[in-house]
C-alpha atoms as a PDB file:
ATOM      1  CA  MET A   1       0.000   0.000   0.000  1.00  0.00           C
ATOM      2  CA  LYS A   2       1.277   3.474  -0.863  1.00  0.00           C
ATOM      3  CA  ASP A   3       0.357   6.759   0.791  1.00  0.00           C
ATOM      4  CA  LYS A   4      -1.650   8.927  -1.622  1.00  0.00           C
ATOM      5  CA  THR A   5       0.303  12.093  -0.743  1.00  0.00           C
ATOM      6  CA  HIS A   6       3.720  10.840  -1.889  1.00  0.00           C
ATOM      7  CA  ASN A   7       5.457   8.021  -3.711  1.00  0.00           C
ATOM      8  CA  PHE A   8       7.664   6.835  -0.871  1.00  0.00           C
ATOM      9  CA  PRO A   9       7.694   3.115  -0.055  1.00  0.00           C
ATOM     10  CA  GLU A  10       6.057   1.634   3.031  1.00  0.00           C
ATOM     11  CA  TYR A  11       7.985   1.151   6.248  1.00  0.00           C
ATOM     12  CA  SER A  12       8.428  -2.569   5.604  1.00  0.00           C
ATOM     13  CA  GLN A  13      10.032  -1.955   2.219  1.00  0.00           C
ATOM     14  CA  GLY A  14      12.943  -0.308   3.430  1.00  0.00           C
ATOM     15  CA  ALA A  15      16.014   1.712   3.356  1.00  0.00           C
ATOM     16  CA  PRO A  16      14.689   5.266   3.715  1.00  0.00           C
ATOM     17  CA  LEU A  17      12.652   4.217   6.742  1.00  0.00           C
ATOM     18  CA  LYS A  18      15.058   1.925   8.549  1.00  0.00           C
ATOM     19  CA  GLY A  19      14.894   2.556  12.275  1.00  0.00           C
ATOM     20  CA  ILE A  20      11.935   4.953  12.121  1.00  0.00           C
ATOM     21  CA  SER A  21       8.254   4.189  12.549  1.00  0.00           C
ATOM     22  CA  VAL A  22       5.686   4.987   9.867  1.00  0.00           C
ATOM     23  CA  LEU A  23       4.120   7.545  12.221  1.00  0.00           C
ATOM     24  CA  ASP A  24       7.452   9.335  12.800  1.00  0.00           C
ATOM     25  CA  TYR A  25       8.275   9.169   9.093  1.00  0.00           C
ATOM     26  CA  ASN A  26       4.922  10.710   8.105  1.00  0.00           C
ATOM     27  CA  GLU A  27       5.392  13.414  10.739  1.00  0.00           C
ATOM     28  CA  LYS A  28       8.815  14.286   9.303  1.00  0.00           C
ATOM     29  CA  ILE A  29       7.371  14.427   5.780  1.00  0.00           C
ATOM     30  CA  ARG A  30       4.560  16.734   6.967  1.00  0.00           C
ATOM     31  CA  PHE A  31       7.190  18.911   8.703  1.00  0.00           C
ATOM     32  CA  VAL A  32       9.305  19.227   5.530  1.00  0.00           C
ATOM     33  CA  LYS A  33       6.244  19.955   3.365  1.00  0.00           C
ATOM     34  CA  GLY A  34       5.198  22.681   5.804  1.00  0.00           C
ATOM     35  CA  VAL A  35       8.644  24.300   5.680  1.00  0.00           C
ATOM     36  CA  LEU A  36       8.726  24.166   1.880  1.00  0.00           C
ATOM     37  CA  ASN A  37       5.254  25.700   1.726  1.00  0.00           C
ATOM     38  CA  GLY A  38       6.310  28.587   3.980  1.00  0.00           C
ATOM     39  CA  LYS A  39       4.287  27.511   7.030  1.00  0.00           C
ATOM     40  CA  THR A  40       7.166  28.037   9.437  1.00  0.00           C
ATOM     41  CA  ARG A  41       5.110  30.017  11.971  1.00  0.00           C
ATOM     42  CA  GLU A  42       2.612  27.162  12.464  1.00  0.00           C
ATOM     43  CA  ILE A  43       5.426  24.646  12.683  1.00  0.00           C
ATOM     44  CA  GLN A  44       7.316  26.776  15.215  1.00  0.00           C
ATOM     45  CA  ASP A  45       4.180  27.134  17.362  1.00  0.00           C
ATOM     46  CA  SER A  46       3.673  23.374  17.281  1.00  0.00           C
ATOM     47  CA  LEU A  47       7.325  22.732  18.156  1.00  0.00           C
ATOM     48  CA  LYS A  48       7.213  25.222  21.045  1.00  0.00           C
ATOM     49  CA  GLU A  49       4.232  23.375  22.482  1.00  0.00           C
ATOM     50  CA  GLU A  50       6.014  20.049  22.048  1.00  0.00           C
ATOM     51  CA  MET A  51       9.156  21.476  23.693  1.00  0.00           C
ATOM     52  CA  LYS A  52       7.106  22.599  26.735  1.00  0.00           C
ATOM     53  CA  ASN A  53       5.546  19.146  27.018  1.00  0.00           C
ATOM     54  CA  GLU A  54       8.936  17.440  26.825  1.00  0.00           C
ATOM     55  CA  SER A  55      10.306  19.775  29.500  1.00  0.00           C
ATOM     56  CA  LYS A  56       7.361  19.020  31.786  1.00  0.00           C
ATOM     57  CA  LYS A  57       8.124  15.312  31.354  1.00  0.00           C
ATOM     58  CA  GLU A  58      11.758  16.151  32.222  1.00  0.00           C
ATOM     59  CA  ASN A  59      12.876  14.848  28.853  1.00  0.00           C
ATOM     60  CA  PHE A  60      15.418  17.655  28.517  1.00  0.00           C
ATOM     61  CA  GLU A  61      17.500  16.116  25.727  1.00  0.00           C
ATOM     62  CA  ARG A  62      14.444  15.957  23.466  1.00  0.00           C
ATOM     63  CA  ALA A  63      13.449  19.492  24.502  1.00  0.00           C
ATOM     64  CA  ILE A  64      16.920  20.738  23.465  1.00  0.00           C
ATOM     65  CA  GLU A  65      16.595  18.976  20.097  1.00  0.00           C
ATOM     66  CA  ILE A  66      13.258  20.689  19.553  1.00  0.00           C
ATOM     67  CA  ARG A  67      14.690  24.064  20.614  1.00  0.00           C
ATOM     68  CA  ASN A  68      17.451  23.602  18.030  1.00  0.00           C
ATOM     69  CA  GLN A  69      14.820  22.838  15.376  1.00  0.00           C
ATOM     70  CA  ILE A  70      12.976  26.035  16.296  1.00  0.00           C
ATOM     71  CA  ASN A  71      16.198  28.056  16.004  1.00  0.00           C
ATOM     72  CA  SER A  72      16.959  26.460  12.632  1.00  0.00           C
ATOM     73  CA  LEU A  73      13.477  27.294  11.399  1.00  0.00           C
ATOM     74  CA  GLU A  74      13.887  30.909  12.504  1.00  0.00           C
ATOM     75  CA  TYR A  75      17.170  31.144  10.604  1.00  0.00           C
ATOM     76  CA  LEU A  76      15.593  29.568   7.518  1.00  0.00           C
ATOM     77  CA  LYS A  77      12.613  31.912   7.701  1.00  0.00           C
ATOM     78  CA  GLU A  78      14.900  34.960   7.856  1.00  0.00           C
ATOM     79  CA  ARG A  79      16.898  33.697   4.864  1.00  0.00           C
ATOM     80  CA  GLN A  80      13.700  33.052   2.885  1.00  0.00           C
ATOM     81  CA  ASN A  81      12.402  36.545   3.719  1.00  0.00           C
ATOM     82  CA  MET A  82      15.672  38.118   2.620  1.00  0.00           C
ATOM     83  CA  GLN A  83      15.649  36.139  -0.611  1.00  0.00           C
ATOM     84  CA  ARG A  84      12.000  36.974  -1.307  1.00  0.00           C
ATOM     85  CA  LEU A  85      12.591  40.649  -0.737  1.00  0.00           C
ATOM     86  CA  LYS A  86      15.469  40.694  -3.212  1.00  0.00           C
ATOM     87  CA  GLU A  87      13.038  39.893  -6.008  1.00  0.00           C
ATOM     88  CA  TYR A  88      10.518  42.643  -5.336  1.00  0.00           C
ATOM     89  CA  ASN A  89      10.248  46.391  -5.228  1.00  0.00           C
ATOM     90  CA  GLU A  90       7.387  46.958  -2.884  1.00  0.00           C
ATOM     91  CA  ASP A  91       5.781  49.397  -0.520  1.00  0.00           C
ATOM     92  CA  ILE A  92       4.308  48.137   2.716  1.00  0.00           C
ATOM     93  CA  ILE A  93       1.670  50.415   4.208  1.00  0.00           C
ATOM     94  CA  ASN A  94      -0.077  50.000   7.534  1.00  0.00           C
ATOM     95  CA  TYR A  95      -1.859  52.327   9.911  1.00  0.00           C
ATOM     96  CA  LEU A  96      -3.423  52.834  13.314  1.00  0.00           C
ATOM     97  CA  ILE A  97      -6.602  54.780  14.002  1.00  0.00           C
ATOM     98  CA  LYS A  98      -6.646  56.524  17.364  1.00  0.00           C
ATOM     99  CA  ASP A  99      -8.664  59.489  18.626  1.00  0.00           C
ATOM    100  CA  ASN A 100     -10.096  60.176  15.161  1.00  0.00           C
ATOM    101  CA  LYS A 101      -6.564  60.392  13.701  1.00  0.00           C
ATOM    102  CA  ILE A 102      -4.708  58.163  11.276  1.00  0.00           C
ATOM    103  CA  TYR A 103      -1.105  57.237  11.984  1.00  0.00           C
ATOM    104  CA  LEU A 104       0.169  55.742   8.735  1.00  0.00           C
ATOM    105  CA  LEU A 105       3.549  54.090   8.159  1.00  0.00           C
ATOM    106  CA  LEU A 106       5.033  53.349   4.750  1.00  0.00           C
ATOM    107  CA  PHE A 107       8.089  51.158   4.216  1.00  0.00           C
ATOM    108  CA  LYS A 108       9.759  51.398   0.803  1.00  0.00           C
ATOM    109  CA  ILE A 109      11.609  48.220  -0.101  1.00  0.00           C
ATOM    110  CA  TYR A 110      13.893  48.554  -3.115  1.00  0.00           C
ATOM    111  CA  LYS A 111      15.521  45.342  -4.377  1.00  0.00           C
ATOM    112  CA  GLY A 112      15.331  43.738  -0.972  1.00  0.00           C
ATOM    113  CA  THR A 113      16.618  46.659   1.054  1.00  0.00           C
ATOM    114  CA  LEU A 114      14.589  48.931   3.278  1.00  0.00           C
ATOM    115  CA  GLU A 115      15.209  52.195   1.508  1.00  0.00           C
ATOM    116  CA  ASN A 116      12.983  54.486   3.497  1.00  0.00           C
ATOM    117  CA  LYS A 117      10.419  54.606   6.276  1.00  0.00           C
ATOM    118  CA  GLU A 118       7.849  57.374   6.079  1.00  0.00           C
ATOM    119  CA  GLU A 119       5.316  58.362   8.726  1.00  0.00           C
ATOM    120  CA  TYR A 120       2.125  60.333   8.181  1.00  0.00           C
ATOM    121  CA  GLU A 121      -0.531  61.676  10.525  1.00  0.00           C
ATOM    122  CA  PHE A 122      -3.866  63.067   9.399  1.00  0.00           C
ATOM    123  CA  ALA A 123      -7.536  63.322  10.386  1.00  0.00           C
ATOM    124  CA  TYR A 124      -9.687  60.248   9.917  1.00  0.00           C
ATOM    125  CA  GLU A 125     -11.959  60.154   6.877  1.00  0.00           C
ATOM    126  CA  PRO A 126     -13.876  57.084   5.655  1.00  0.00           C
ATOM    127  CA  ASP A 127     -11.849  56.660   2.421  1.00  0.00           C
ATOM    128  CA  PHE A 128      -8.510  57.844   3.836  1.00  0.00           C
ATOM    129  CA  LEU A 129      -6.476  54.915   2.484  1.00  0.00           C
ATOM    130  CA  GLU A 130      -7.685  55.354  -1.091  1.00  0.00           C
ATOM    131  CA  GLU A 131      -7.128  59.103  -0.889  1.00  0.00           C
ATOM    132  CA  PHE A 132      -3.636  58.566   0.511  1.00  0.00           C
ATOM    133  CA  LEU A 133      -2.717  56.094  -2.253  1.00  0.00           C
ATOM    134  CA  LEU A 134      -3.925  58.455  -4.987  1.00  0.00           C
ATOM    135  CA  GLN A 135      -2.139  61.479  -3.570  1.00  0.00           C
ATOM    136  CA  TYR A 136       1.081  59.713  -2.604  1.00  0.00           C
ATOM    137  CA  TYR A 137       1.556  57.845  -5.879  1.00  0.00           C
ATOM    138  CA  SER A 138       0.698  60.870  -8.000  1.00  0.00           C
ATOM    139  CA  GLU A 139       4.004  62.321  -6.728  1.00  0.00           C
ATOM    140  CA  ASN A 140       6.141  59.217  -6.051  1.00  0.00           C
ATOM    141  CA  PRO A 141       7.358  56.169  -7.995  1.00  0.00           C
ATOM    142  CA  ILE A 142       4.931  53.248  -8.056  1.00  0.00           C
ATOM    143  CA  PRO A 143       6.451  49.887  -7.058  1.00  0.00           C
ATOM    144  CA  LYS A 144       5.575  46.511  -8.526  1.00  0.00           C
ATOM    145  CA  GLU A 145       3.648  45.606  -5.360  1.00  0.00           C
ATOM    146  CA  ILE A 146       1.853  47.535  -2.640  1.00  0.00           C
ATOM    147  CA  ILE A 147       0.964  45.615   0.515  1.00  0.00           C
ATOM    148  CA  ILE A 148      -1.883  47.145   2.530  1.00  0.00           C
ATOM    149  CA  PRO A 149      -4.062  45.935   5.419  1.00  0.00           C
ATOM    150  CA  SER A 150      -7.498  46.513   3.839  1.00  0.00           C
ATOM    151  CA  LYS A 151      -9.129  46.310   0.441  1.00  0.00           C
ATOM    152  CA  VAL A 152      -9.441  49.408  -1.730  1.00  0.00           C
ATOM    153  CA  ASP A 153     -11.614  50.091  -4.755  1.00  0.00           C
ATOM    154  CA  ASP A 154     -10.443  48.454  -8.000  1.00  0.00           C
ATOM    155  CA  SER A 155     -10.254  51.881  -9.637  1.00  0.00           C
ATOM    156  CA  ILE A 156      -7.149  52.602  -7.500  1.00  0.00           C
ATOM    157  CA  LYS A 157      -5.295  49.686  -9.081  1.00  0.00           C
ATOM    158  CA  ILE A 158      -6.391  50.755 -12.560  1.00  0.00           C
ATOM    159  CA  TYR A 159      -5.163  54.319 -11.918  1.00  0.00           C
ATOM    160  CA  LEU A 160      -1.810  53.121 -10.577  1.00  0.00           C
ATOM    161  CA  GLU A 161      -1.225  50.755 -13.506  1.00  0.00           C
ATOM    162  CA  LYS A 162      -2.093  53.459 -16.009  1.00  0.00           C
ATOM    163  CA  LYS A 163       0.237  55.947 -14.322  1.00  0.00           C
ATOM    164  CA  ALA A 164       3.076  53.429 -13.910  1.00  0.00           C
ATOM    165  CA  LYS A 165       2.586  51.915 -17.381  1.00  0.00           C
ATOM    166  CA  LYS A 166       3.096  48.461 -15.870  1.00  0.00           C
ATOM    167  CA  ARG A 167       1.247  45.834 -13.883  1.00  0.00           C
ATOM    168  CA  VAL A 168       0.847  46.741 -10.196  1.00  0.00           C
ATOM    169  CA  THR A 169      -0.227  44.297  -7.504  1.00  0.00           C
ATOM    170  CA  ILE A 170      -2.164  45.515  -4.497  1.00  0.00           C
ATOM    171  CA  ALA A 171      -1.953  42.758  -1.900  1.00  0.00           C
ATOM    172  CA  VAL A 172      -4.227  42.531   1.143  1.00  0.00           C
ATOM    173  CA  PRO A 173      -2.827  39.478   2.941  1.00  0.00           C
ATOM    174  CA  GLU A 174      -4.825  37.614   5.548  1.00  0.00           C
ATOM    175  CA  LYS A 175      -2.039  35.254   6.588  1.00  0.00           C
ATOM    176  CA  GLY A 176       1.464  34.247   5.738  1.00  0.00           C
ATOM    177  CA  GLU A 177       4.659  36.118   5.075  1.00  0.00           C
ATOM    178  CA  LYS A 178       3.101  39.309   3.711  1.00  0.00           C
ATOM    179  CA  LYS A 179       0.765  39.515   6.701  1.00  0.00           C
ATOM    180  CA  GLN A 180       3.832  39.222   8.943  1.00  0.00           C
ATOM    181  CA  LEU A 181       5.466  42.091   7.047  1.00  0.00           C
ATOM    182  CA  LEU A 182       2.367  44.248   7.617  1.00  0.00           C
ATOM    183  CA  GLU A 183       2.460  43.480  11.330  1.00  0.00           C
ATOM    184  CA  LEU A 184       6.175  44.224  11.436  1.00  0.00           C
ATOM    185  CA  VAL A 185       5.584  47.731  10.055  1.00  0.00           C
ATOM    186  CA  LEU A 186       3.448  48.594  13.099  1.00  0.00           C
ATOM    187  CA  LYS A 187       6.013  47.188  15.533  1.00  0.00           C
ATOM    188  CA  ILE A 188       8.893  49.302  14.274  1.00  0.00           C
END
């Protein structure tokens, strides 16, 4: 019998699985698939929970192994982020609304390097983000991708593409790496 998710042989057939149970093998495969699919945050959370459980059981050697896996994942995630950023020119925009004011932050990433951080403060209006995008990009270069926390009218994208004379992506991530970048903007 073969597992439908991959073409690896069963435990009883052999070499790649010598000394490891089918359950452990499948767990390792799921781990690797998660890493390759960029799900490092979920994997790290799961490993942290497992590390706590191993520590409670006083299985400190296993807890150290898990801690090392977590550290390796963090290193890998940073390398992947750096590599991803090298391929894109992008602006990352996020904001806070407090006391009827908007505190907006814009990070300009040029070929993987944070080129500039800009901060804006203005009175709250219902369509403030769309108005900001129109005004800002009428006077500044338009990147290949703009990452924002909330959806804007499609006419904004059309305007930006016409002005830039190229395809422009407006991303509104709900999870994953781009969502982490949005959250990072507010933390800095």
